[in-house]
Amino acid sequence: MRALISMLIVAAAAVVCLCSVAPAASAREEPPVPKIFGGWKPIKNVDDPHIQELGRWAVSEHVKQASDGLVFSKVVSGEEQLVAGTNYKLVIQATRGGAGKSATYGAVVYERFDKTRQLLSFNPAN
C-alpha cells in the first residue's frame, strides 16, 4: 500500500513538474500533439519490439507468481499512461502449457524511467 501511495505522489509531482513546450512546427507540418501526463492513450504500434517484450515479461512474471504454465503468444492491443515512468494496459494472447488452448489476458505493467518494471495486475480478459 505504501508503494502505491508513493507511486501516486511521484506521479502527481511529475504532472506538475514535467510540463514541456514543443518547438513550433512549420506551416506544412501538422501541429505536434501535446503529451498529456496521467491520461491513457492507445498504443499506436503494438508490434513494436518493446511492447511485445513488455507482454512477454508480464506473462513470465505472472507464471512466477501463479505457476500456471502460461506461454506468451503476443500483445494484441493496449494503452499507455505517462506518469513517473509509464503504465501499460496490455491485452495479451497466451496459451496454457501443454493444452495449447489460446486465451486473452489483461495485464498492467508499470515501467520506470530506469526500465525497471512492476506487474500491477494480470487477469483473464472478458
C-alpha atoms as a PDB file:
ATOM      1  CA  MET A   1       0.000   0.000   0.000  1.00  0.00           C
ATOM      2  CA  ARG A   2       2.849   2.380   0.832  1.00  0.00           C
ATOM      3  CA  ALA A   3       4.430   1.659  -2.542  1.00  0.00           C
ATOM      4  CA  LEU A   4       1.175   2.561  -4.320  1.00  0.00           C
ATOM      5  CA  ILE A   5       0.839   5.790  -2.336  1.00  0.00           C
ATOM      6  CA  SER A   6       4.462   6.667  -3.073  1.00  0.00           C
ATOM      7  CA  MET A   7       3.913   5.970  -6.773  1.00  0.00           C
ATOM      8  CA  LEU A   8       0.840   8.229  -6.809  1.00  0.00           C
ATOM      9  CA  ILE A   9       2.748  11.030  -5.075  1.00  0.00           C
ATOM     10  CA  VAL A  10       5.591  10.747  -7.574  1.00  0.00           C
ATOM     11  CA  ALA A  11       3.075  10.718 -10.440  1.00  0.00           C
ATOM     12  CA  ALA A  12       1.408  13.869  -9.138  1.00  0.00           C
ATOM     13  CA  ALA A  13       4.791  15.574  -8.826  1.00  0.00           C
ATOM     14  CA  ALA A  14       5.630  14.545 -12.382  1.00  0.00           C
ATOM     15  CA  VAL A  15       2.403  16.082 -13.667  1.00  0.00           C
ATOM     16  CA  VAL A  16       3.280  19.370 -12.002  1.00  0.00           C
ATOM     17  CA  CYS A  17       6.977  19.415 -12.901  1.00  0.00           C
ATOM     18  CA  LEU A  18       7.286  17.816 -16.311  1.00  0.00           C
ATOM     19  CA  CYS A  19       5.379  20.294 -18.467  1.00  0.00           C
ATOM     20  CA  SER A  20       7.177  20.923 -21.721  1.00  0.00           C
ATOM     21  CA  VAL A  21       6.657  23.128 -24.748  1.00  0.00           C
ATOM     22  CA  ALA A  22       7.105  21.565 -28.189  1.00  0.00           C
ATOM     23  CA  PRO A  23       9.062  23.504 -30.816  1.00  0.00           C
ATOM     24  CA  ALA A  24       6.955  25.387 -33.356  1.00  0.00           C
ATOM     25  CA  ALA A  25       6.012  23.349 -36.424  1.00  0.00           C
ATOM     26  CA  SER A  26       6.495  24.657 -39.939  1.00  0.00           C
ATOM     27  CA  ALA A  27       3.431  25.710 -41.924  1.00  0.00           C
ATOM     28  CA  ARG A  28       3.394  22.411 -43.880  1.00  0.00           C
ATOM     29  CA  GLU A  29       3.646  20.116 -40.843  1.00  0.00           C
ATOM     30  CA  GLU A  30       0.791  19.081 -38.618  1.00  0.00           C
ATOM     31  CA  PRO A  31       0.968  20.665 -35.179  1.00  0.00           C
ATOM     32  CA  PRO A  32       2.546  18.416 -32.554  1.00  0.00           C
ATOM     33  CA  VAL A  33       0.242  16.515 -30.243  1.00  0.00           C
ATOM     34  CA  PRO A  34       0.894  17.644 -26.672  1.00  0.00           C
ATOM     35  CA  LYS A  35       1.805  14.948 -24.164  1.00  0.00           C
ATOM     36  CA  ILE A  36      -0.859  14.668 -21.500  1.00  0.00           C
ATOM     37  CA  PHE A  37       0.514  13.326 -18.264  1.00  0.00           C
ATOM     38  CA  GLY A  38      -1.844  10.968 -16.489  1.00  0.00           C
ATOM     39  CA  GLY A  39      -4.152  10.319 -19.463  1.00  0.00           C
ATOM     40  CA  TRP A  40      -4.440   6.889 -21.097  1.00  0.00           C
ATOM     41  CA  LYS A  41      -3.837   6.769 -24.857  1.00  0.00           C
ATOM     42  CA  PRO A  42      -3.864   3.839 -27.283  1.00  0.00           C
ATOM     43  CA  ILE A  43      -0.537   2.227 -28.133  1.00  0.00           C
ATOM     44  CA  LYS A  44      -0.156   3.034 -31.827  1.00  0.00           C
ATOM     45  CA  ASN A  45       2.135   0.141 -32.732  1.00  0.00           C
ATOM     46  CA  VAL A  46       1.641  -2.959 -30.585  1.00  0.00           C
ATOM     47  CA  ASP A  47       4.066  -4.788 -32.884  1.00  0.00           C
ATOM     48  CA  ASP A  48       6.881  -2.587 -31.541  1.00  0.00           C
ATOM     49  CA  PRO A  49       9.524  -4.950 -30.097  1.00  0.00           C
ATOM     50  CA  HIS A  50       9.482  -3.085 -26.753  1.00  0.00           C
ATOM     51  CA  ILE A  51       5.705  -3.562 -26.374  1.00  0.00           C
ATOM     52  CA  GLN A  52       5.977  -7.256 -27.261  1.00  0.00           C
ATOM     53  CA  GLU A  53       8.826  -7.621 -24.735  1.00  0.00           C
ATOM     54  CA  LEU A  54       6.651  -5.998 -22.049  1.00  0.00           C
ATOM     55  CA  GLY A  55       3.917  -8.548 -22.763  1.00  0.00           C
ATOM     56  CA  ARG A  56       6.398 -11.429 -22.691  1.00  0.00           C
ATOM     57  CA  TRP A  57       7.785 -10.125 -19.395  1.00  0.00           C
ATOM     58  CA  ALA A  58       4.268  -9.745 -17.905  1.00  0.00           C
ATOM     59  CA  VAL A  59       3.420 -13.380 -18.706  1.00  0.00           C
ATOM     60  CA  SER A  60       6.756 -14.518 -17.276  1.00  0.00           C
ATOM     61  CA  GLU A  61       6.170 -12.589 -14.034  1.00  0.00           C
ATOM     62  CA  HIS A  62       2.623 -13.954 -13.793  1.00  0.00           C
ATOM     63  CA  VAL A  63       3.894 -17.515 -14.213  1.00  0.00           C
ATOM     64  CA  LYS A  64       6.441 -16.943 -11.408  1.00  0.00           C
ATOM     65  CA  GLN A  65       3.571 -15.987  -9.103  1.00  0.00           C
ATOM     66  CA  ALA A  66       0.835 -18.377 -10.277  1.00  0.00           C
ATOM     67  CA  SER A  67       2.807 -21.369 -11.640  1.00  0.00           C
ATOM     68  CA  ASP A  68       0.071 -21.945 -14.216  1.00  0.00           C
ATOM     69  CA  GLY A  69       2.252 -22.641 -17.264  1.00  0.00           C
ATOM     70  CA  LEU A  70       1.030 -19.801 -19.488  1.00  0.00           C
ATOM     71  CA  VAL A  71       3.101 -19.259 -22.632  1.00  0.00           C
ATOM     72  CA  PHE A  72       3.225 -15.808 -24.226  1.00  0.00           C
ATOM     73  CA  SER A  73       1.948 -15.504 -27.804  1.00  0.00           C
ATOM     74  CA  LYS A  74       1.649 -11.765 -28.491  1.00  0.00           C
ATOM     75  CA  VAL A  75       0.338  -8.399 -27.338  1.00  0.00           C
ATOM     76  CA  VAL A  76      -2.787  -7.695 -29.396  1.00  0.00           C
ATOM     77  CA  SER A  77      -3.666  -4.194 -28.143  1.00  0.00           C
ATOM     78  CA  GLY A  78      -3.026  -1.809 -25.316  1.00  0.00           C
ATOM     79  CA  GLU A  79      -2.936   1.650 -23.812  1.00  0.00           C
ATOM     80  CA  GLU A  80      -0.197   3.654 -22.156  1.00  0.00           C
ATOM     81  CA  GLN A  81      -0.203   6.307 -19.459  1.00  0.00           C
ATOM     82  CA  LEU A  82       2.719   8.636 -18.830  1.00  0.00           C
ATOM     83  CA  VAL A  83       3.331   9.117 -15.109  1.00  0.00           C
ATOM     84  CA  ALA A  84       6.671   8.996 -13.294  1.00  0.00           C
ATOM     85  CA  GLY A  85       7.535   6.333 -15.848  1.00  0.00           C
ATOM     86  CA  THR A  86       4.856   4.635 -17.938  1.00  0.00           C
ATOM     87  CA  ASN A  87       1.891   2.430 -17.105  1.00  0.00           C
ATOM     88  CA  TYR A  88       0.881  -0.030 -19.800  1.00  0.00           C
ATOM     89  CA  LYS A  89      -2.518  -1.752 -20.019  1.00  0.00           C
ATOM     90  CA  LEU A  90      -1.861  -4.681 -22.326  1.00  0.00           C
ATOM     91  CA  VAL A  91      -4.199  -7.203 -23.905  1.00  0.00           C
ATOM     92  CA  ILE A  92      -2.123 -10.341 -24.271  1.00  0.00           C
ATOM     93  CA  GLN A  93      -2.771 -13.572 -26.102  1.00  0.00           C
ATOM     94  CA  ALA A  94      -1.241 -16.600 -24.361  1.00  0.00           C
ATOM     95  CA  THR A  95      -1.640 -20.363 -24.336  1.00  0.00           C
ATOM     96  CA  ARG A  96      -1.916 -22.760 -21.432  1.00  0.00           C
ATOM     97  CA  GLY A  97       1.169 -25.005 -21.221  1.00  0.00           C
ATOM     98  CA  GLY A  98       0.586 -28.412 -22.808  1.00  0.00           C
ATOM     99  CA  ALA A  99      -3.087 -27.920 -23.738  1.00  0.00           C
ATOM    100  CA  GLY A 100      -2.256 -25.283 -26.352  1.00  0.00           C
ATOM    101  CA  LYS A 101      -5.618 -23.507 -25.859  1.00  0.00           C
ATOM    102  CA  SER A 102      -5.259 -19.788 -26.569  1.00  0.00           C
ATOM    103  CA  ALA A 103      -6.825 -17.205 -24.257  1.00  0.00           C
ATOM    104  CA  THR A 104      -6.701 -13.443 -23.786  1.00  0.00           C
ATOM    105  CA  TYR A 105      -5.430 -11.739 -20.638  1.00  0.00           C
ATOM    106  CA  GLY A 106      -5.249  -8.177 -19.397  1.00  0.00           C
ATOM    107  CA  ALA A 107      -2.057  -7.013 -17.728  1.00  0.00           C
ATOM    108  CA  VAL A 108      -0.992  -3.710 -16.225  1.00  0.00           C
ATOM    109  CA  VAL A 109       2.761  -3.099 -16.162  1.00  0.00           C
ATOM    110  CA  TYR A 110       4.494  -0.106 -14.608  1.00  0.00           C
ATOM    111  CA  GLU A 111       7.872   0.691 -16.165  1.00  0.00           C
ATOM    112  CA  ARG A 112      10.056   3.300 -14.504  1.00  0.00           C
ATOM    113  CA  PHE A 113      12.350   5.632 -16.450  1.00  0.00           C
ATOM    114  CA  ASP A 114      15.297   3.407 -15.438  1.00  0.00           C
ATOM    115  CA  LYS A 115      13.488   0.495 -17.200  1.00  0.00           C
ATOM    116  CA  THR A 116      12.729  -1.435 -14.002  1.00  0.00           C
ATOM    117  CA  ARG A 117       9.262  -2.965 -14.106  1.00  0.00           C
ATOM    118  CA  GLN A 118       6.450  -3.980 -11.823  1.00  0.00           C
ATOM    119  CA  LEU A 119       3.485  -6.190 -12.706  1.00  0.00           C
ATOM    120  CA  LEU A 120       0.469  -4.432 -11.176  1.00  0.00           C
ATOM    121  CA  SER A 121      -2.220  -6.856 -12.359  1.00  0.00           C
ATOM    122  CA  PHE A 122      -2.743  -9.877 -14.580  1.00  0.00           C
ATOM    123  CA  ASN A 123      -6.231 -11.328 -15.181  1.00  0.00           C
ATOM    124  CA  PRO A 124      -8.220 -13.236 -17.785  1.00  0.00           C
ATOM    125  CA  ALA A 125      -9.889 -10.778 -20.193  1.00  0.00           C
ATOM    126  CA  ASN A 126     -13.628 -10.964 -20.599  1.00  0.00           C
END
